[in-house]
Amino acid sequence: MANRRQFLQTLPAAGATLATAGQLASAEAAAPTAAPASAKELARTAFERRAIEAMVWGMPAVNLDLMYQAMLRETKARANQMLYWSALLDWKNQTLTPNTDVVYLTPYYDTKDGPVVLEIPPADDGIINGTLMDAWQMPLEDVGPAGVDRGRGGKYLILPPGHKEPVPLGFIPLQSLTYKGYALLRSILRSGSPTDLAKAVEYGKRIKIYALSQAASPPPTVFVDAAGVFYDATIPYDNRFYDSLDRVVQIEPWLQRDRAMIDKLKTLGIEKGKRFAPDAATRQALDAAAAQAHALLDYRFVELFKTYFAPGSRWAFPASPEFAEAAQSGYADPDVYPIDDRGLLFTYIFFTPKRLGEGQFYLMVIDDKAGAVLDGSRNYRLNVPADAPVRQYWSATVYDRATHALIRKMSHAGRSSQSPGLQKNADGSVDLYFGPKAPAGKEANWVATDAAGKFEVLFRFYGPTKALFDKTWVLPDIVEVK
């Protein structure tokens, strides 16, 4: 914990993203006195505010549920099987800011019938980088070289809520507060070649998932390939969000830290053990509240990028340090529960690592060096300096600013230090280009954008090293190229 806190202290403190109570009070005092609202108006306002609060609070669980529902709807995979992509992701994977330079494996577990084992192979012919999370995407444990097994491999045993039986020897027990959850696993490529892609896929298929009751003789893990499947898990900012939230409430136990939400959700018609069946007028009201919540979250998203990771650079760490520490500790501090920061994060990302900064690190940007929003109709350059602080590789991926997913219909979404044919400058640096058309002779270093929309860039450091955190290596701003 001490090391993790030292790391988190290297992050800049997040600036205020919402008006303080004092500022609001001053504004209200200066405003003309309004006529008292009617009881009906008050009830409508209370409903909208609770629906907004429910969206922010429920975002991480709905985010996961949407991915799970996409799996059920679009593939033949089910819980306790292995959903994976045999190819690098393309735009048909419409999850939030995914990595297009790794092989993804995402087993969704269900412990309703008893503990489940996730078996990670040793890091011999490959590397698995990932995290096991509960239904709220709270990290239970990291796996692989940056995880608790430290690359030796291990049998992670996910225990259901209230499990009391002794844990057999030879397993790494993880007590979950929810029945369902998932693991975000990445099989890391040694290079961008087709041969190394195939090797990463085969190595990933050494992972196993099975019930503890079958541990004496585990059945073969069922692998379901989602490559090429349209897989839409983007957030619906309308009444459909609450259908998803209701599914979570019906399946999972109420956690002690969330009991204050029980009556608030009843106001919306979401109650454990009862069917959620809003009429047309209620769905219309939920649509209106969801739109307001979306506007609030988008405002806070923009504010996040006013706190820079390093002086002289617009790149920001895309989460609040307070949330990162709270989630990694399992919300152990009874005086800290950053729901607003958590809700914001899961509007544009999925997954929370247990040990941030060991296996991977992220920087994100939405503006160019001049402070203008990144515009898909314009052309830009990013110079990645030589000697990037990574043990594995770096990558830069472009996403649709409106959805935080891969831009639809584009041939590729990013470039990395492993991209075949990537051109380097004489000093070892790399120039990447973003825009609707590739500069002449720079196709291998270019990422296409949608001329009709805005975009954002996420820069990943896999196996980050000290120079990133002590800021002796700084990622420059993206500059517009006329």
Protein backbone atom coordinates (compact mmCIF):
# COMPACT_ATOMS: atom_id res chain seq x y z
CA MET A 1 0.00 0.00 0.00
CA ALA A 2 2.84 2.39 0.81
CA ASN A 3 4.35 1.98 -2.66
CA ARG A 4 0.98 2.50 -4.30
CA ARG A 5 0.39 5.69 -2.33
CA GLN A 6 3.86 6.98 -3.23
CA PHE A 7 3.01 6.36 -6.88
CA LEU A 8 -0.37 8.07 -6.63
CA GLN A 9 1.29 11.06 -5.03
CA THR A 10 3.26 11.57 -8.26
CA LEU A 11 -0.02 12.35 -10.00
CA PRO A 12 -1.20 15.96 -10.03
CA ALA A 13 -4.10 16.71 -7.72
CA ALA A 14 -7.37 16.95 -9.59
CA GLY A 15 -8.81 20.44 -9.81
CA ALA A 16 -12.34 21.28 -8.73
CA THR A 17 -14.77 20.06 -11.35
CA LEU A 18 -18.06 21.20 -9.83
CA ALA A 19 -19.07 24.44 -8.16
CA THR A 20 -18.60 24.43 -4.38
CA ALA A 21 -21.52 24.80 -2.02
CA GLY A 22 -20.35 28.33 -1.18
CA GLN A 23 -20.22 29.33 -4.83
CA LEU A 24 -23.70 27.97 -5.40
CA ALA A 25 -25.02 29.76 -2.33
CA SER A 26 -23.52 33.06 -3.50
CA ALA A 27 -25.05 32.62 -6.94
CA GLU A 28 -28.44 31.82 -5.46
CA ALA A 29 -28.28 34.84 -3.16
CA ALA A 30 -27.64 37.11 -6.13
CA ALA A 31 -30.47 35.64 -8.17
CA PRO A 32 -34.04 36.91 -8.05
CA THR A 33 -36.29 35.05 -5.62
CA ALA A 34 -38.37 32.49 -7.51
CA ALA A 35 -41.97 31.66 -6.73
CA PRO A 36 -42.41 28.50 -4.62
CA ALA A 37 -42.63 25.37 -6.76
CA SER A 38 -45.79 23.31 -6.73
CA ALA A 39 -45.79 19.83 -5.20
CA LYS A 40 -45.96 18.34 -8.70
CA GLU A 41 -42.96 20.39 -9.84
CA LEU A 42 -41.00 19.38 -6.76
CA ALA A 43 -41.78 15.71 -7.36
CA ARG A 44 -40.66 15.98 -10.97
CA THR A 45 -37.44 17.73 -9.95
CA ALA A 46 -36.74 15.11 -7.28
CA PHE A 47 -37.30 12.32 -9.83
CA GLU A 48 -34.91 13.91 -12.33
CA ARG A 49 -32.23 14.52 -9.72
CA ARG A 50 -32.44 10.96 -8.45
CA ALA A 51 -32.29 9.60 -11.99
CA ILE A 52 -29.17 11.69 -12.63
CA GLU A 53 -27.62 10.46 -9.38
CA ALA A 54 -28.52 6.87 -10.26
CA MET A 55 -26.75 7.16 -13.60
CA VAL A 56 -23.56 8.51 -12.06
CA TRP A 57 -23.61 5.96 -9.23
CA GLY A 58 -24.50 2.98 -11.41
CA MET A 59 -22.15 3.73 -14.32
CA PRO A 60 -19.44 1.09 -13.63
CA ALA A 61 -21.96 -1.74 -13.16
CA VAL A 62 -23.98 -0.73 -16.23
CA ASN A 63 -20.77 -0.38 -18.23
CA LEU A 64 -19.95 -4.03 -17.44
CA ASP A 65 -23.53 -5.21 -17.98
CA LEU A 66 -23.57 -3.66 -21.45
CA MET A 67 -20.45 -5.62 -22.41
CA TYR A 68 -21.97 -8.80 -20.97
CA GLN A 69 -25.23 -8.24 -22.84
CA ALA A 70 -23.31 -7.64 -26.08
CA MET A 71 -21.58 -10.98 -25.54
CA LEU A 72 -24.91 -12.76 -25.03
CA ARG A 73 -26.54 -10.97 -27.95
CA GLU A 74 -23.78 -11.10 -30.55
CA THR A 75 -21.79 -14.26 -29.76
CA LYS A 76 -22.50 -17.76 -28.51
CA ALA A 77 -20.36 -17.24 -25.40
CA ARG A 78 -21.85 -17.50 -21.93
CA ALA A 79 -20.64 -16.94 -18.37
CA ASN A 80 -17.65 -19.05 -17.27
CA GLN A 81 -16.47 -19.42 -20.86
CA MET A 82 -13.69 -17.53 -22.64
CA LEU A 83 -14.67 -14.74 -25.01
CA TYR A 84 -11.63 -13.68 -27.02
CA TRP A 85 -10.53 -11.91 -30.19
CA SER A 86 -8.24 -13.89 -32.50
CA ALA A 87 -7.25 -10.69 -34.31
CA LEU A 88 -6.35 -7.17 -33.21
CA LEU A 89 -9.49 -5.14 -32.55
CA ASP A 90 -11.10 -3.14 -35.33
CA TRP A 91 -13.93 -0.59 -35.25
CA LYS A 92 -16.57 -3.31 -34.86
CA ASN A 93 -15.50 -3.57 -31.23
CA GLN A 94 -17.51 -0.68 -29.80
CA THR A 95 -16.35 -0.85 -26.21
CA LEU A 96 -14.92 2.22 -24.48
CA THR A 97 -11.33 3.14 -25.41
CA PRO A 98 -10.09 -0.42 -26.08
CA ASN A 99 -6.48 -1.23 -27.01
CA THR A 100 -6.01 -2.21 -30.66
CA ASP A 101 -2.48 -3.59 -30.18
CA VAL A 102 -3.08 -6.60 -27.92
CA VAL A 103 -5.06 -9.84 -28.03
CA TYR A 104 -8.07 -9.50 -25.73
CA LEU A 105 -9.59 -12.29 -23.64
CA THR A 106 -12.57 -11.34 -21.44
CA PRO A 107 -14.07 -14.21 -19.45
CA TYR A 108 -17.23 -13.22 -17.57
CA TYR A 109 -17.60 -15.26 -14.40
CA ASP A 110 -20.69 -16.19 -12.42
CA THR A 111 -20.26 -17.64 -8.91
CA LYS A 112 -23.97 -18.12 -8.19
CA ASP A 113 -23.43 -21.92 -8.21
CA GLY A 114 -20.11 -21.79 -6.36
CA PRO A 115 -16.49 -20.58 -6.62
CA VAL A 116 -14.87 -20.23 -10.05
CA VAL A 117 -11.22 -20.78 -10.95
CA LEU A 118 -9.32 -18.62 -13.44
CA GLU A 119 -6.01 -20.29 -14.25
CA ILE A 120 -3.26 -18.05 -15.66
CA PRO A 121 -0.25 -19.71 -17.36
CA PRO A 122 3.32 -18.83 -16.40
CA ALA A 123 5.03 -16.09 -18.42
CA ASP A 124 7.21 -18.39 -20.49
CA ASP A 125 6.12 -18.22 -24.12
CA GLY A 126 4.08 -15.08 -23.58
CA ILE A 127 2.77 -12.49 -21.14
CA ILE A 128 -0.72 -12.00 -19.77
CA ASN A 129 -1.44 -8.54 -18.43
CA GLY A 130 -4.82 -8.06 -16.76
CA THR A 131 -7.14 -7.74 -13.81
CA LEU A 132 -10.02 -9.62 -12.21
CA MET A 133 -12.95 -7.34 -11.25
CA ASP A 134 -16.33 -7.66 -9.58
CA ALA A 135 -19.67 -6.49 -11.00
CA TRP A 136 -18.78 -2.89 -10.06
CA GLN A 137 -15.43 -3.18 -11.84
CA MET A 138 -13.64 -2.92 -8.51
CA PRO A 139 -10.32 -4.76 -8.90
CA LEU A 140 -9.97 -8.01 -6.99
CA GLU A 141 -6.44 -8.70 -8.20
CA ASP A 142 -4.04 -8.21 -11.07
CA VAL A 143 -2.63 -11.26 -12.84
CA GLY A 144 0.57 -12.04 -14.73
CA PRO A 145 4.03 -10.48 -14.23
CA ALA A 146 2.51 -7.24 -12.85
CA GLY A 147 0.04 -9.18 -10.68
CA VAL A 148 0.15 -11.28 -7.55
CA ASP A 149 1.52 -14.36 -9.35
CA ARG A 150 4.51 -12.30 -10.62
CA GLY A 151 4.62 -14.22 -13.87
CA ARG A 152 4.78 -17.65 -12.28
CA GLY A 153 1.16 -18.31 -13.20
CA GLY A 154 -1.52 -19.28 -10.73
CA LYS A 155 -5.01 -20.54 -9.99
CA TYR A 156 -7.13 -17.56 -8.95
CA LEU A 157 -10.17 -18.68 -6.98
CA ILE A 158 -13.13 -16.27 -7.10
CA LEU A 159 -15.34 -16.75 -4.05
CA PRO A 160 -19.02 -15.72 -4.07
CA PRO A 161 -20.50 -13.32 -1.50
CA GLY A 162 -20.68 -14.83 1.98
CA HIS A 163 -18.47 -17.82 1.17
CA LYS A 164 -17.41 -19.55 4.42
CA GLU A 165 -15.88 -22.86 3.38
CA PRO A 166 -12.10 -23.41 3.65
CA VAL A 167 -10.04 -22.61 0.57
CA PRO A 168 -8.14 -25.60 -0.84
CA LEU A 169 -4.35 -25.41 -0.99
CA GLY A 170 -2.76 -24.26 -4.23
CA PHE A 171 -5.28 -21.52 -5.02
CA ILE A 172 -5.11 -17.72 -4.77
CA PRO A 173 -8.41 -16.81 -3.04
CA LEU A 174 -10.26 -13.65 -4.08
CA GLN A 175 -13.35 -12.77 -2.08
CA SER A 176 -15.91 -11.05 -4.29
CA LEU A 177 -18.80 -8.99 -2.92
CA THR A 178 -20.82 -9.74 -6.08
CA TYR A 179 -21.77 -12.93 -7.89
CA LYS A 180 -20.76 -11.76 -11.33
CA GLY A 181 -17.74 -10.00 -12.73
CA TYR A 182 -15.11 -10.40 -15.39
CA ALA A 183 -11.42 -10.45 -16.14
CA LEU A 184 -9.84 -8.11 -18.65
CA LEU A 185 -6.87 -10.08 -19.97
CA ARG A 186 -4.39 -9.05 -22.64
CA SER A 187 -1.96 -11.37 -24.36
CA ILE A 188 0.99 -9.13 -25.20
CA LEU A 189 2.57 -9.33 -28.65
CA ARG A 190 6.36 -9.49 -28.95
CA SER A 191 6.07 -7.56 -32.22
CA GLY A 192 3.41 -6.54 -34.71
CA SER A 193 4.14 -9.39 -37.10
CA PRO A 194 1.43 -11.91 -38.08
CA THR A 195 3.58 -14.69 -36.59
CA ASP A 196 3.76 -12.99 -33.19
CA LEU A 197 0.03 -12.23 -33.33
CA ALA A 198 -0.67 -15.93 -33.82
CA LYS A 199 1.70 -16.81 -30.97
CA ALA A 200 -0.05 -14.34 -28.64
CA VAL A 201 -3.42 -15.88 -29.50
CA GLU A 202 -2.16 -19.41 -28.83
CA TYR A 203 -0.56 -18.36 -25.56
CA GLY A 204 -3.81 -16.69 -24.47
CA LYS A 205 -5.66 -19.93 -25.14
CA ARG A 206 -3.67 -21.55 -22.34
CA ILE A 207 -5.85 -19.64 -19.87
CA LYS A 208 -8.51 -21.79 -18.24
CA ILE A 209 -11.78 -21.06 -16.46
CA TYR A 210 -13.81 -23.68 -14.61
CA ALA A 211 -15.84 -24.30 -11.47
CA LEU A 212 -13.95 -25.21 -8.29
CA SER A 213 -16.12 -28.32 -8.09
CA GLN A 214 -14.44 -29.47 -11.33
CA ALA A 215 -10.87 -28.70 -10.22
CA ALA A 216 -9.85 -32.35 -9.84
CA SER A 217 -10.41 -32.86 -13.57
CA PRO A 218 -11.21 -29.52 -15.26
CA PRO A 219 -13.19 -29.75 -18.50
CA PRO A 220 -11.71 -27.99 -21.56
CA THR A 221 -12.38 -24.26 -21.49
CA VAL A 222 -14.86 -23.14 -24.13
CA PHE A 223 -13.28 -20.42 -26.30
CA VAL A 224 -15.59 -18.22 -28.39
CA ASP A 225 -13.98 -15.96 -31.00
CA ALA A 226 -15.54 -12.50 -31.37
CA ALA A 227 -13.18 -11.25 -34.11
CA GLY A 228 -15.17 -9.47 -36.79
CA VAL A 229 -18.34 -9.38 -34.69
CA PHE A 230 -20.12 -6.06 -34.23
CA TYR A 231 -19.94 -5.71 -30.45
CA ASP A 232 -21.64 -2.53 -29.22
CA ALA A 233 -21.27 -1.70 -25.53
CA THR A 234 -21.32 2.10 -25.72
CA ILE A 235 -23.30 3.90 -23.01
CA PRO A 236 -26.94 4.69 -23.95
CA TYR A 237 -27.74 8.08 -22.46
CA ASP A 238 -31.47 7.46 -22.40
CA ASN A 239 -34.04 5.32 -20.58
CA ARG A 240 -32.31 2.09 -21.66
CA PHE A 241 -29.56 2.80 -19.14
CA TYR A 242 -32.04 2.15 -16.31
CA ASP A 243 -33.07 -1.21 -17.76
CA SER A 244 -29.45 -2.26 -17.47
CA LEU A 245 -29.18 -0.83 -13.96
CA ASP A 246 -32.26 -2.79 -12.94
CA ARG A 247 -30.63 -6.03 -14.17
CA VAL A 248 -27.70 -5.40 -11.84
CA VAL A 249 -29.96 -4.63 -8.87
CA GLN A 250 -31.96 -7.82 -9.42
CA ILE A 251 -28.87 -10.07 -9.64
CA GLU A 252 -26.41 -8.66 -7.13
CA PRO A 253 -26.66 -8.22 -3.35
CA TRP A 254 -26.90 -4.73 -1.94
CA LEU A 255 -23.49 -3.66 -0.65
CA GLN A 256 -23.35 -1.91 2.70
CA ARG A 257 -21.68 1.13 1.14
CA ASP A 258 -24.60 1.54 -1.30
CA ARG A 259 -27.64 1.04 0.90
CA ALA A 260 -28.51 4.74 0.70
CA MET A 261 -29.45 4.14 -2.94
CA ILE A 262 -32.22 1.63 -2.17
CA ASP A 263 -35.00 4.16 -1.62
CA LYS A 264 -33.68 6.51 -4.29
CA LEU A 265 -33.96 3.79 -6.93
CA LYS A 266 -37.47 2.93 -5.71
CA THR A 267 -38.44 6.43 -6.80
CA LEU A 268 -37.47 5.41 -10.34
CA GLY A 269 -39.27 2.08 -10.14
CA ILE A 270 -36.13 -0.02 -9.59
CA GLU A 271 -36.59 -2.33 -6.62
CA LYS A 272 -35.11 -5.73 -5.85
CA GLY A 273 -37.61 -8.52 -6.41
CA LYS A 274 -40.00 -6.37 -8.45
CA ARG A 275 -40.38 -5.97 -12.21
CA PHE A 276 -39.14 -2.70 -13.65
CA ALA A 277 -41.95 -1.61 -15.97
CA PRO A 278 -42.00 2.18 -16.43
CA ASP A 279 -44.84 3.61 -18.49
CA ALA A 280 -44.30 5.88 -21.49
CA ALA A 281 -44.36 9.08 -19.43
CA THR A 282 -41.79 7.71 -16.98
CA ARG A 283 -39.52 6.60 -19.81
CA GLN A 284 -39.78 10.09 -21.27
CA ALA A 285 -38.77 11.55 -17.91
CA LEU A 286 -35.86 9.11 -17.70
CA ASP A 287 -34.76 10.18 -21.18
CA ALA A 288 -34.70 13.81 -20.06
CA ALA A 289 -32.75 13.00 -16.88
CA ALA A 290 -30.27 10.85 -18.77
CA ALA A 291 -29.61 13.69 -21.20
CA GLN A 292 -28.92 16.03 -18.27
CA ALA A 293 -26.60 13.46 -16.68
CA HIS A 294 -24.76 13.10 -19.98
CA ALA A 295 -24.25 16.86 -20.22
CA LEU A 296 -22.96 16.97 -16.63
CA LEU A 297 -20.57 14.06 -17.17
CA ASP A 298 -19.28 15.52 -20.43
CA TYR A 299 -18.63 18.85 -18.71
CA ARG A 300 -16.66 17.07 -16.00
CA PHE A 301 -14.77 15.08 -18.63
CA VAL A 302 -13.53 18.30 -20.23
CA GLU A 303 -12.61 19.73 -16.82
CA LEU A 304 -10.45 16.66 -16.16
CA PHE A 305 -8.04 17.83 -18.85
CA LYS A 306 -7.31 21.09 -17.06
CA THR A 307 -5.02 19.15 -14.71
CA TYR A 308 -1.92 18.24 -16.70
CA PHE A 309 0.28 15.26 -15.92
CA ALA A 310 3.52 17.14 -16.58
CA PRO A 311 4.38 20.85 -16.86
CA GLY A 312 4.28 22.13 -20.41
CA SER A 313 2.09 19.32 -21.72
CA ARG A 314 -1.67 19.02 -22.23
CA TRP A 315 -1.68 15.27 -21.63
CA ALA A 316 -3.59 14.25 -18.51
CA PHE A 317 -3.92 11.12 -16.43
CA PRO A 318 -7.56 10.20 -17.19
CA ALA A 319 -8.77 9.53 -13.64
CA SER A 320 -8.66 11.21 -10.26
CA PRO A 321 -5.91 9.98 -7.90
CA GLU A 322 -8.51 9.79 -5.11
CA PHE A 323 -10.62 7.32 -7.07
CA ALA A 324 -7.57 5.29 -8.14
CA GLU A 325 -6.48 4.79 -4.53
CA ALA A 326 -10.01 4.12 -3.25
CA ALA A 327 -10.75 1.48 -5.90
CA GLN A 328 -7.40 -0.26 -5.51
CA SER A 329 -7.93 -0.52 -1.75
CA GLY A 330 -11.45 -1.91 -2.15
CA TYR A 331 -12.91 1.34 -0.75
CA ALA A 332 -11.32 0.49 2.58
CA ASP A 333 -11.33 4.05 3.91
CA PRO A 334 -14.81 4.60 5.45
CA ASP A 335 -14.49 8.36 4.94
CA VAL A 336 -13.82 8.22 1.18
CA TYR A 337 -16.23 7.03 -1.53
CA PRO A 338 -15.61 9.00 -4.76
CA ILE A 339 -18.80 8.09 -6.64
CA ASP A 340 -18.67 11.14 -8.91
CA ASP A 341 -15.11 10.40 -10.05
CA ARG A 342 -15.95 6.72 -10.50
CA GLY A 343 -19.04 7.48 -12.55
CA LEU A 344 -17.10 9.84 -14.79
CA LEU A 345 -14.30 7.34 -15.42
CA PHE A 346 -16.61 4.59 -16.61
CA THR A 347 -18.23 6.81 -19.23
CA TYR A 348 -15.04 6.51 -21.30
CA ILE A 349 -13.16 3.46 -20.06
CA PHE A 350 -13.62 -0.07 -18.76
CA PHE A 351 -11.34 -1.85 -16.27
CA THR A 352 -9.61 -0.74 -13.07
CA PRO A 353 -6.14 -2.15 -12.30
CA LYS A 354 -5.22 -3.21 -8.78
CA ARG A 355 -1.67 -1.88 -9.09
CA LEU A 356 -1.79 1.15 -11.35
CA GLY A 357 1.60 2.04 -12.78
CA GLU A 358 3.15 -1.42 -12.66
CA GLY A 359 1.71 -3.21 -15.69
CA GLN A 360 0.42 -0.19 -17.59
CA PHE A 361 -0.11 3.56 -17.45
CA TYR A 362 -2.23 5.95 -19.49
CA LEU A 363 -2.21 9.55 -20.66
CA MET A 364 -5.03 11.12 -22.64
CA VAL A 365 -5.57 14.36 -24.55
CA ILE A 366 -8.53 16.08 -26.20
CA ASP A 367 -6.89 19.37 -27.31
CA ASP A 368 -3.89 20.31 -29.45
CA LYS A 369 -0.93 22.40 -28.29
CA ALA A 370 -2.83 25.62 -28.97
CA GLY A 371 -5.75 24.51 -26.80
CA ALA A 372 -8.13 23.83 -29.68
CA VAL A 373 -10.30 20.71 -29.64
CA LEU A 374 -8.93 17.89 -31.79
CA ASP A 375 -10.95 18.13 -35.01
CA GLY A 376 -11.22 15.17 -37.38
CA SER A 377 -11.22 17.45 -40.43
CA ARG A 378 -7.76 18.84 -39.59
CA ASN A 379 -4.26 17.31 -39.70
CA TYR A 380 -1.98 16.83 -36.69
CA ARG A 381 1.44 15.51 -35.72
CA LEU A 382 2.65 13.94 -32.47
CA ASN A 383 6.39 13.54 -31.97
CA VAL A 384 7.12 10.62 -29.61
CA PRO A 385 10.64 11.22 -28.26
CA ALA A 386 13.27 8.49 -28.36
CA ASP A 387 13.81 6.12 -25.45
CA ALA A 388 10.16 5.94 -24.43
CA PRO A 389 9.90 4.81 -20.77
CA VAL A 390 8.49 1.32 -21.37
CA ARG A 391 9.72 -2.23 -20.88
CA GLN A 392 7.23 -3.62 -23.42
CA TYR A 393 5.80 -1.07 -25.88
CA TRP A 394 3.88 2.18 -26.29
CA SER A 395 0.80 2.92 -28.40
CA ALA A 396 -1.35 5.88 -29.42
CA THR A 397 -5.01 5.18 -30.20
CA VAL A 398 -7.66 7.50 -31.62
CA TYR A 399 -11.29 7.43 -30.41
CA ASP A 400 -14.53 9.15 -31.32
CA ARG A 401 -14.94 12.07 -28.91
CA ALA A 402 -18.74 11.60 -28.82
CA THR A 403 -18.77 7.92 -27.85
CA HIS A 404 -15.22 7.22 -26.57
CA ALA A 405 -15.24 4.16 -28.85
CA LEU A 406 -13.24 3.41 -31.98
CA ILE A 407 -14.20 5.61 -34.93
CA ARG A 408 -16.55 3.59 -37.10
CA LYS A 409 -15.60 2.38 -40.56
CA MET A 410 -11.91 3.25 -40.12
CA SER A 411 -9.27 0.77 -41.27
CA HIS A 412 -7.14 1.12 -38.14
CA ALA A 413 -7.30 3.14 -34.96
CA GLY A 414 -3.74 3.57 -33.77
CA ARG A 415 -0.02 3.09 -34.12
CA SER A 416 2.45 1.63 -31.66
CA SER A 417 6.17 1.05 -31.27
CA GLN A 418 5.40 -2.45 -32.62
CA SER A 419 3.50 -1.37 -35.74
CA PRO A 420 5.01 -2.99 -38.85
CA GLY A 421 6.81 -0.48 -41.06
CA LEU A 422 6.76 2.32 -38.47
CA GLN A 423 9.20 5.03 -39.58
CA LYS A 424 11.67 6.47 -37.07
CA ASN A 425 13.50 9.78 -37.27
CA ALA A 426 17.29 10.02 -37.19
CA ASP A 427 17.25 10.86 -33.48
CA GLY A 428 15.16 7.78 -32.65
CA SER A 429 11.91 9.69 -32.17
CA VAL A 430 8.73 8.83 -34.06
CA ASP A 431 6.30 11.25 -35.74
CA LEU A 432 2.69 10.07 -35.71
CA TYR A 433 0.05 11.74 -37.89
CA PHE A 434 -3.69 12.09 -37.30
CA GLY A 435 -6.12 13.39 -39.90
CA PRO A 436 -8.56 12.55 -42.71
CA LYS A 437 -5.73 11.91 -45.19
CA ALA A 438 -2.23 10.48 -44.79
CA PRO A 439 0.73 12.77 -45.51
CA ALA A 440 2.64 11.62 -48.58
CA GLY A 441 5.00 8.78 -47.69
CA LYS A 442 3.82 8.65 -44.06
CA GLU A 443 1.04 6.05 -44.34
CA ALA A 444 2.76 3.68 -41.87
CA ASN A 445 2.75 6.42 -39.20
CA TRP A 446 -0.77 7.74 -39.88
CA VAL A 447 -4.13 7.19 -38.13
CA ALA A 448 -7.33 8.17 -39.92
CA THR A 449 -9.91 10.47 -38.35
CA ASP A 450 -13.54 11.22 -39.22
CA ALA A 451 -13.76 14.63 -40.87
CA ALA A 452 -17.30 15.04 -39.51
CA GLY A 453 -16.40 14.62 -35.83
CA LYS A 454 -14.04 15.37 -32.96
CA PHE A 455 -11.54 12.87 -31.56
CA GLU A 456 -9.35 12.10 -28.56
CA VAL A 457 -6.06 10.22 -28.22
CA LEU A 458 -5.08 7.73 -25.51
CA PHE A 459 -1.37 7.01 -25.12
CA ARG A 460 -0.49 3.72 -23.40
CA PHE A 461 2.74 2.76 -21.67
CA TYR A 462 3.07 -1.01 -21.18
CA GLY A 463 5.64 -1.85 -18.56
CA PRO A 464 6.19 1.83 -17.65
CA THR A 465 9.52 2.85 -16.15
CA LYS A 466 10.75 5.51 -13.73
CA ALA A 467 11.43 8.19 -16.35
CA LEU A 468 7.68 8.52 -16.98
CA PHE A 469 6.81 9.16 -13.35
CA ASP A 470 9.72 11.42 -12.44
CA LYS A 471 8.92 13.27 -15.69
CA THR A 472 12.44 13.22 -17.09
CA TRP A 473 10.70 11.94 -20.25
CA VAL A 474 7.69 14.03 -21.25
CA LEU A 475 5.22 13.36 -24.07
CA PRO A 476 4.91 16.54 -26.20
CA ASP A 477 1.62 18.06 -27.26
CA ILE A 478 -0.12 17.23 -30.50
CA VAL A 479 0.36 20.07 -33.00
CA GLU A 480 -1.79 21.01 -35.97
CA VAL A 481 -0.08 20.68 -39.34
CA LYS A 482 -1.32 23.18 -41.92
